[in-house]
C-alpha cells in the first residue's frame, strides 16, 4: 500500500488506517482480546501499517492490545494515539503521553493527538497555548513525531495552529457524514494538514449489513448514532441501493467502495475499525479500488440523499 506524507511532518502513513476503539471494549459489545490482536495483526500483514488508538479507549486497554499485536514489528508501523479532554493541562499531557508510551511498549509515538477540545464532556477549560506547549516539548524531546487534533472545528484548528505545527485533523467523515467539508477541510487544504477520517463507514452503516429496523444492544454506542435512527436510517438504505451497482462494477463490497471514495477526497485518509481479521483484510483492499472522476461525482450525489437532510451538528451521537 503506497504511503502518504502526514501533513508537513516526516511521518508517512497508509491511506487506510486501522482503528482500534473497539479493542478497548468499553462502549462495545462482544469484543474478545484474542480477536482484536489477530485483527490488528491481519491489518498489518495486509499492508495497513498505521494504527490509531487513544488513552480513553478502555482506559489504555486498546493501546496495550495494539502493543501485544505489533511490538515485534514496531519499526515497521506508525502509532497514532490521543490524549483525552480531561488531561490537557501541561503536566497532565506529559503524564498521559508517558502512560501511552508504556502501554504501547515504545519510546516514541508517531502521531499524538488532542482527542477532544478543552471543555468537551464538561471537562475543565484549559488554554490551548498550555496544551500545545506540552505537545511541542514532547516533540522536542523525541517522544512524539507529529502533533494532531481530533474533533476540532476550523476555528479551534486555526487557534491551535498559532502555537505550533498541526499535521492532522481527525474528524468524523464518511459518505453519509460530511460536515468537515463545509468547515475545516478548506483550512486543511490551505495549510497542508492531513485529514484522518474516523467512522469512515458510518459505524458500519455503509457496509449494508444493517437492515431497516435493526436494533443494537443497549450498551452499543451506535444506539445513539443519529444515522441509525428514523428517516436518516431509511434514507441511508435508499442510498445504499443506488451504490450497489457501482460496487458490483468494481467487484468490491459497499464498504470498500465507501472507503475508496473517501481516500480519493483531498488530503483524506480513512481510519477503519474491524472486529475480525477478514474485515481488516477487506478494508485494506479498498486502497486498490480506483474510481473515475465520473464515478466519484455519482457517489457524491448518492451520499447527499442522506447528508442533505442532516443538521449542522458535528457530533454523530445523541449523547
Protein backbone atom coordinates (compact mmCIF):
# COMPACT_ATOMS: atom_id res chain seq x y z
CA UNK A 1 0.00 0.00 0.00
CA UNK A 2 1.54 3.28 -1.09
CA UNK A 3 2.08 5.62 1.86
CA UNK A 4 1.26 9.31 2.10
CA UNK A 5 3.02 12.09 3.97
CA UNK A 6 1.34 13.19 7.20
CA UNK A 7 0.91 16.96 6.98
CA UNK A 8 4.31 18.65 6.87
CA UNK A 9 5.94 16.04 9.10
CA UNK A 10 8.40 13.34 8.11
CA UNK A 11 5.88 10.66 9.15
CA UNK A 12 4.40 8.56 6.36
CA UNK A 13 1.06 6.81 6.83
CA UNK A 14 -1.13 4.41 4.90
CA UNK A 15 -4.30 5.76 3.24
CA UNK A 16 -6.28 3.18 5.23
CA UNK A 17 -5.54 3.18 8.97
CA UNK A 18 -6.54 0.51 11.47
CA UNK A 19 -8.94 1.94 14.07
CA UNK A 20 -8.92 0.30 17.49
CA UNK A 21 -11.69 1.93 19.53
CA UNK A 22 -13.41 -1.44 19.67
CA UNK A 23 -10.26 -3.12 21.06
CA UNK A 24 -10.75 -1.08 24.23
CA UNK A 25 -14.05 -2.98 24.76
CA UNK A 26 -15.79 -0.11 26.60
CA UNK A 27 -18.87 1.11 24.65
CA UNK A 28 -18.70 -2.05 22.52
CA UNK A 29 -20.30 -5.46 22.97
CA UNK A 30 -18.86 -8.92 22.29
CA UNK A 31 -15.23 -7.91 21.80
CA UNK A 32 -12.57 -10.53 22.66
CA UNK A 33 -8.90 -9.59 23.13
CA UNK A 34 -7.69 -12.59 21.13
CA UNK A 35 -9.80 -11.48 18.15
CA UNK A 36 -8.56 -7.90 18.46
CA UNK A 37 -4.92 -9.00 18.45
CA UNK A 38 -5.41 -11.25 15.42
CA UNK A 39 -7.31 -8.49 13.61
CA UNK A 40 -4.68 -5.81 14.20
CA UNK A 41 -2.01 -8.23 13.04
CA UNK A 42 -4.04 -9.13 9.95
CA UNK A 43 -4.36 -5.42 9.09
CA UNK A 44 -0.58 -5.07 9.29
CA UNK A 45 0.01 -8.14 7.14
CA UNK A 46 -2.48 -6.77 4.57
CA UNK A 47 -0.47 -3.55 4.28
CA UNK A 48 -2.12 -1.26 6.84
CA UNK A 49 0.83 -0.05 8.91
CA UNK A 50 -0.77 2.96 10.65
CA UNK A 51 -2.72 2.15 13.81
CA UNK A 52 -4.99 4.65 15.58
CA UNK A 53 -5.84 4.32 19.26
CA UNK A 54 -6.39 6.52 22.33
CA UNK A 55 -5.80 6.54 26.07
CA UNK A 56 -9.56 6.69 26.71
CA UNK A 57 -10.33 3.50 24.74
CA UNK A 58 -10.83 1.20 27.70
CA UNK A 59 -8.50 3.31 29.90
CA UNK A 60 -5.44 2.22 27.97
CA UNK A 61 -6.64 -1.30 27.16
CA UNK A 62 -6.72 -0.64 23.42
CA UNK A 63 -3.16 0.70 23.50
CA UNK A 64 -1.97 -2.41 25.35
CA UNK A 65 -3.70 -4.66 22.82
CA UNK A 66 -2.01 -2.77 19.96
CA UNK A 67 1.36 -3.35 21.62
CA UNK A 68 0.63 -7.04 22.10
CA UNK A 69 -0.21 -7.35 18.41
CA UNK A 70 2.66 -5.33 16.94
CA UNK A 71 5.59 -4.89 19.35
CA UNK A 72 7.79 -7.24 17.34
CA UNK A 73 7.32 -5.12 14.19
CA UNK A 74 7.34 -1.71 15.89
CA UNK A 75 9.81 -0.18 13.41
CA UNK A 76 7.51 -1.08 10.50
CA UNK A 77 4.35 0.59 11.88
CA UNK A 78 3.11 4.04 12.83
CA UNK A 79 1.32 4.52 16.13
CA UNK A 80 -1.26 7.31 16.45
CA UNK A 81 -2.82 7.83 19.87
CA UNK A 82 -4.66 10.59 21.71
CA UNK A 83 -4.80 12.47 25.00
CA UNK A 84 -8.34 12.96 26.31
CA UNK A 85 -10.06 16.27 27.13
CA UNK A 86 -9.61 15.78 30.90
CA UNK A 87 -5.80 15.70 30.61
CA UNK A 88 -4.99 18.92 28.79
CA UNK A 89 -3.06 20.82 31.48
CA UNK A 90 0.69 20.86 30.83
CA UNK A 91 1.66 18.24 33.45
CA UNK A 92 -1.34 16.07 32.58
CA UNK A 93 -0.36 15.94 28.90
CA UNK A 94 3.19 14.90 29.81
CA UNK A 95 1.92 12.20 32.19
CA UNK A 96 -0.68 10.94 29.69
CA UNK A 97 1.95 10.65 26.98
CA UNK A 98 4.24 8.69 29.29
CA UNK A 99 1.36 6.31 30.13
CA UNK A 100 0.64 5.80 26.42
CA UNK A 101 4.32 5.15 25.72
CA UNK A 102 4.29 2.49 28.45
CA UNK A 103 1.04 0.96 27.22
CA UNK A 104 2.32 0.85 23.64
CA UNK A 105 5.71 -0.50 24.78
CA UNK A 106 7.56 2.07 22.71
CA UNK A 107 9.82 5.09 23.27
CA UNK A 108 8.11 7.29 20.68
CA UNK A 109 4.62 7.92 19.30
CA UNK A 110 4.39 8.79 15.60
CA UNK A 111 1.28 10.98 15.95
CA UNK A 112 -0.04 12.34 19.25
CA UNK A 113 -3.45 13.99 19.09
CA UNK A 114 -5.74 16.05 21.30
CA UNK A 115 -8.81 13.79 21.31
CA UNK A 116 -11.48 16.44 22.01
CA UNK A 117 -11.22 20.20 22.54
CA UNK A 118 -10.87 21.53 26.07
CA UNK A 119 -14.27 21.75 27.77
CA UNK A 120 -15.78 18.79 25.93
CA UNK A 121 -17.86 16.45 28.14
CA UNK A 122 -17.88 19.11 30.90
CA UNK A 123 -14.12 18.96 31.30
CA UNK A 124 -12.05 21.82 32.66
CA UNK A 125 -11.24 24.66 30.26
CA UNK A 126 -7.50 24.72 29.59
CA UNK A 127 -5.95 27.34 27.28
CA UNK A 128 -4.84 25.76 24.02
CA UNK A 129 -1.49 27.55 24.42
CA UNK A 130 -0.77 25.47 27.54
CA UNK A 131 -1.66 22.17 25.89
CA UNK A 132 0.35 23.00 22.78
CA UNK A 133 3.37 23.95 24.91
CA UNK A 134 3.33 20.44 26.37
CA UNK A 135 2.97 18.85 22.93
CA UNK A 136 5.79 20.97 21.50
CA UNK A 137 8.04 19.96 24.40
CA UNK A 138 7.22 16.28 23.88
CA UNK A 139 8.09 16.67 20.21
CA UNK A 140 11.37 18.40 21.03
CA UNK A 141 12.22 15.51 23.38
CA UNK A 142 11.57 12.96 20.61
CA UNK A 143 8.68 11.32 22.46
CA UNK A 144 6.26 12.25 19.68
CA UNK A 145 6.97 12.84 15.99
CA UNK A 146 3.88 14.80 14.93
CA UNK A 147 1.01 16.69 16.57
CA UNK A 148 -2.63 16.30 15.59
CA UNK A 149 -6.09 17.28 16.81
CA UNK A 150 -9.40 15.45 16.72
CA UNK A 151 -12.98 16.78 16.71
CA UNK A 152 -11.76 20.39 16.32
CA UNK A 153 -13.69 22.95 14.31
CA UNK A 154 -11.98 25.16 11.77
CA UNK A 155 -11.69 27.98 14.31
CA UNK A 156 -10.29 25.70 17.00
CA UNK A 157 -7.80 24.26 14.50
CA UNK A 158 -6.68 27.74 13.45
CA UNK A 159 -6.26 28.78 17.08
CA UNK A 160 -4.16 25.70 17.93
CA UNK A 161 -2.02 26.34 14.85
CA UNK A 162 -0.92 29.67 16.32
CA UNK A 163 1.09 27.76 18.94
CA UNK A 164 2.74 25.06 16.85
CA UNK A 165 2.50 22.99 13.70
CA UNK A 166 -0.59 20.80 13.45
CA UNK A 167 -0.10 17.95 10.99
CA UNK A 168 -3.52 16.31 11.11
CA UNK A 169 -7.19 16.72 11.93
CA UNK A 170 -9.28 13.69 12.87
CA UNK A 171 -12.99 14.39 12.24
CA UNK A 172 -15.98 12.11 11.74
CA UNK A 173 -16.17 11.84 7.96
CA UNK A 174 -17.84 9.44 5.59
CA UNK A 175 -20.08 9.46 2.55
CA UNK A 176 -23.01 9.77 4.99
CA UNK A 177 -21.42 12.34 7.38
CA UNK A 178 -19.69 15.27 5.70
CA UNK A 179 -19.78 18.38 7.90
CA UNK A 180 -15.99 18.67 7.75
CA UNK A 181 -16.21 19.54 4.05
CA UNK A 182 -18.02 22.79 4.90
CA UNK A 183 -15.99 23.65 7.96
CA UNK A 184 -12.37 22.58 8.41
CA UNK A 185 -11.45 20.92 5.11
CA UNK A 186 -10.70 24.18 3.22
CA UNK A 187 -8.37 25.25 6.04
CA UNK A 188 -6.66 21.84 5.97
CA UNK A 189 -6.12 22.10 2.22
CA UNK A 190 -4.66 25.60 2.50
CA UNK A 191 -2.29 24.61 5.31
CA UNK A 192 -1.29 21.08 4.25
CA UNK A 193 -2.98 19.38 7.20
CA UNK A 194 -3.89 15.73 6.68
CA UNK A 195 -7.45 14.62 7.37
CA UNK A 196 -7.77 11.28 9.15
CA UNK A 197 -11.44 10.37 8.85
CA UNK A 198 -12.93 8.38 11.69
CA UNK A 199 -16.15 6.38 11.34
CA UNK A 200 -15.46 6.26 7.56
CA UNK A 201 -18.12 3.58 7.20
CA UNK A 202 -20.59 5.49 9.39
CA UNK A 203 -20.05 2.93 12.16
CA UNK A 204 -20.85 0.06 9.80
CA UNK A 205 -23.91 1.59 8.14
CA UNK A 206 -22.07 1.83 4.81
CA UNK A 207 -21.37 -1.90 4.84
CA UNK A 208 -25.05 -2.56 4.10
CA UNK A 209 -25.20 -5.16 6.88
CA UNK A 210 -27.86 -3.46 8.99
CA UNK A 211 -31.37 -3.99 7.68
CA UNK A 212 -34.12 -1.41 8.25
CA UNK A 213 -35.39 -1.67 11.82
CA UNK A 214 -32.16 -3.21 13.16
CA UNK A 215 -31.86 -2.83 16.95
CA UNK A 216 -28.47 -2.59 18.67
CA UNK A 217 -27.66 -3.88 22.13
CA UNK A 218 -28.42 -1.07 24.64
CA UNK A 219 -24.73 -0.83 25.59
CA UNK A 220 -23.61 -0.44 21.96
CA UNK A 221 -22.65 3.19 21.28
CA UNK A 222 -24.48 3.01 17.95
CA UNK A 223 -27.85 3.13 19.73
CA UNK A 224 -27.23 6.88 19.99
CA UNK A 225 -25.93 7.38 16.44
CA UNK A 226 -28.22 9.76 14.55
CA UNK A 227 -27.67 7.90 11.26
CA UNK A 228 -29.27 4.73 12.61
CA UNK A 229 -32.46 6.50 13.62
CA UNK A 230 -35.75 7.25 11.89
CA UNK A 231 -35.74 8.85 8.45
CA UNK A 232 -31.94 9.08 8.40
CA UNK A 233 -31.77 5.27 8.54
CA UNK A 234 -34.38 4.97 5.78
CA UNK A 235 -32.55 7.42 3.50
CA UNK A 236 -29.30 5.58 4.11
CA UNK A 237 -30.89 2.39 2.77
CA UNK A 238 -32.13 4.24 -0.32
CA UNK A 239 -28.59 5.45 -0.95
CA UNK A 240 -27.07 2.01 -0.38
CA UNK A 241 -29.31 0.50 -3.06
CA UNK A 242 -28.01 3.09 -5.54
CA UNK A 243 -24.40 2.36 -4.55
CA UNK A 244 -24.65 -1.42 -5.04
CA UNK A 245 -24.38 -1.40 -8.87
CA UNK A 246 -21.22 0.74 -8.70
CA UNK A 247 -19.66 -1.62 -6.18
CA UNK A 248 -20.58 -4.60 -8.34
CA UNK A 249 -18.97 -3.00 -11.38
CA UNK A 250 -15.69 -2.84 -9.43
CA UNK A 251 -16.15 -6.31 -7.96
CA UNK A 252 -15.88 -4.80 -4.50
CA UNK A 253 -18.07 -4.52 -1.41
CA UNK A 254 -20.11 -1.48 -0.41
CA UNK A 255 -17.62 -0.86 2.39
CA UNK A 256 -14.67 -0.93 0.01
CA UNK A 257 -16.45 1.45 -2.34
CA UNK A 258 -17.16 3.90 0.51
CA UNK A 259 -13.54 3.77 1.67
CA UNK A 260 -12.22 4.18 -1.87
CA UNK A 261 -14.42 7.26 -2.35
CA UNK A 262 -13.21 8.73 0.92
CA UNK A 263 -9.47 8.32 0.36
CA UNK A 264 -9.93 9.95 -3.07
CA UNK A 265 -11.03 13.18 -1.34
CA UNK A 266 -8.43 15.94 -0.86
CA UNK A 267 -5.76 15.05 1.72
CA UNK A 268 -8.03 12.42 3.24
CA UNK A 269 -7.20 9.05 4.80
CA UNK A 270 -9.68 6.65 6.42
CA UNK A 271 -9.48 5.08 9.89
CA UNK A 272 -11.37 1.81 9.51
CA UNK A 273 -12.09 -0.36 12.52
CA UNK A 274 -12.54 -4.12 12.40
CA UNK A 275 -13.51 -6.87 14.83
CA UNK A 276 -12.17 -9.81 12.85
CA UNK A 277 -9.17 -10.48 10.58
CA UNK A 278 -11.23 -10.86 7.39
CA UNK A 279 -12.74 -7.41 7.91
CA UNK A 280 -9.29 -5.87 8.27
CA UNK A 281 -8.11 -7.59 5.09
CA UNK A 282 -11.21 -6.38 3.24
CA UNK A 283 -10.59 -2.81 4.43
CA UNK A 284 -7.05 -2.93 3.08
CA UNK A 285 -8.30 -3.96 -0.37
CA UNK A 286 -10.20 -0.68 -0.65
CA UNK A 287 -6.90 1.02 -1.48
CA UNK A 288 -6.88 -0.95 -4.76
CA UNK A 289 -10.31 0.33 -5.91
CA UNK A 290 -9.76 3.13 -8.42
CA UNK A 291 -12.75 5.34 -9.17
CA UNK A 292 -13.11 7.60 -12.21
CA UNK A 293 -13.98 11.30 -11.78
CA UNK A 294 -17.47 10.49 -13.08
CA UNK A 295 -17.94 7.72 -10.52
CA UNK A 296 -16.66 9.92 -7.70
CA UNK A 297 -19.22 12.54 -8.71
CA UNK A 298 -22.03 9.98 -8.90
CA UNK A 299 -21.17 8.56 -5.47
CA UNK A 300 -21.00 12.10 -4.08
CA UNK A 301 -24.55 12.77 -5.29
CA UNK A 302 -25.84 9.50 -3.83
CA UNK A 303 -24.35 10.34 -0.45
CA UNK A 304 -26.27 13.61 -0.41
CA UNK A 305 -29.53 11.65 -0.24
CA UNK A 306 -28.54 11.28 3.41
CA UNK A 307 -26.38 14.31 4.20
CA UNK A 308 -28.65 16.98 2.72
CA UNK A 309 -31.18 16.22 5.47
CA UNK A 310 -28.79 16.35 8.45
CA UNK A 311 -28.38 19.36 10.72
CA UNK A 312 -25.04 21.17 11.11
CA UNK A 313 -24.03 19.42 14.32
CA UNK A 314 -20.54 17.95 14.11
CA UNK A 315 -21.32 15.22 16.67
CA UNK A 316 -22.73 11.99 15.26
CA UNK A 317 -24.30 10.76 18.51
CA UNK A 318 -27.16 11.96 20.68
CA UNK A 319 -25.08 11.95 23.86
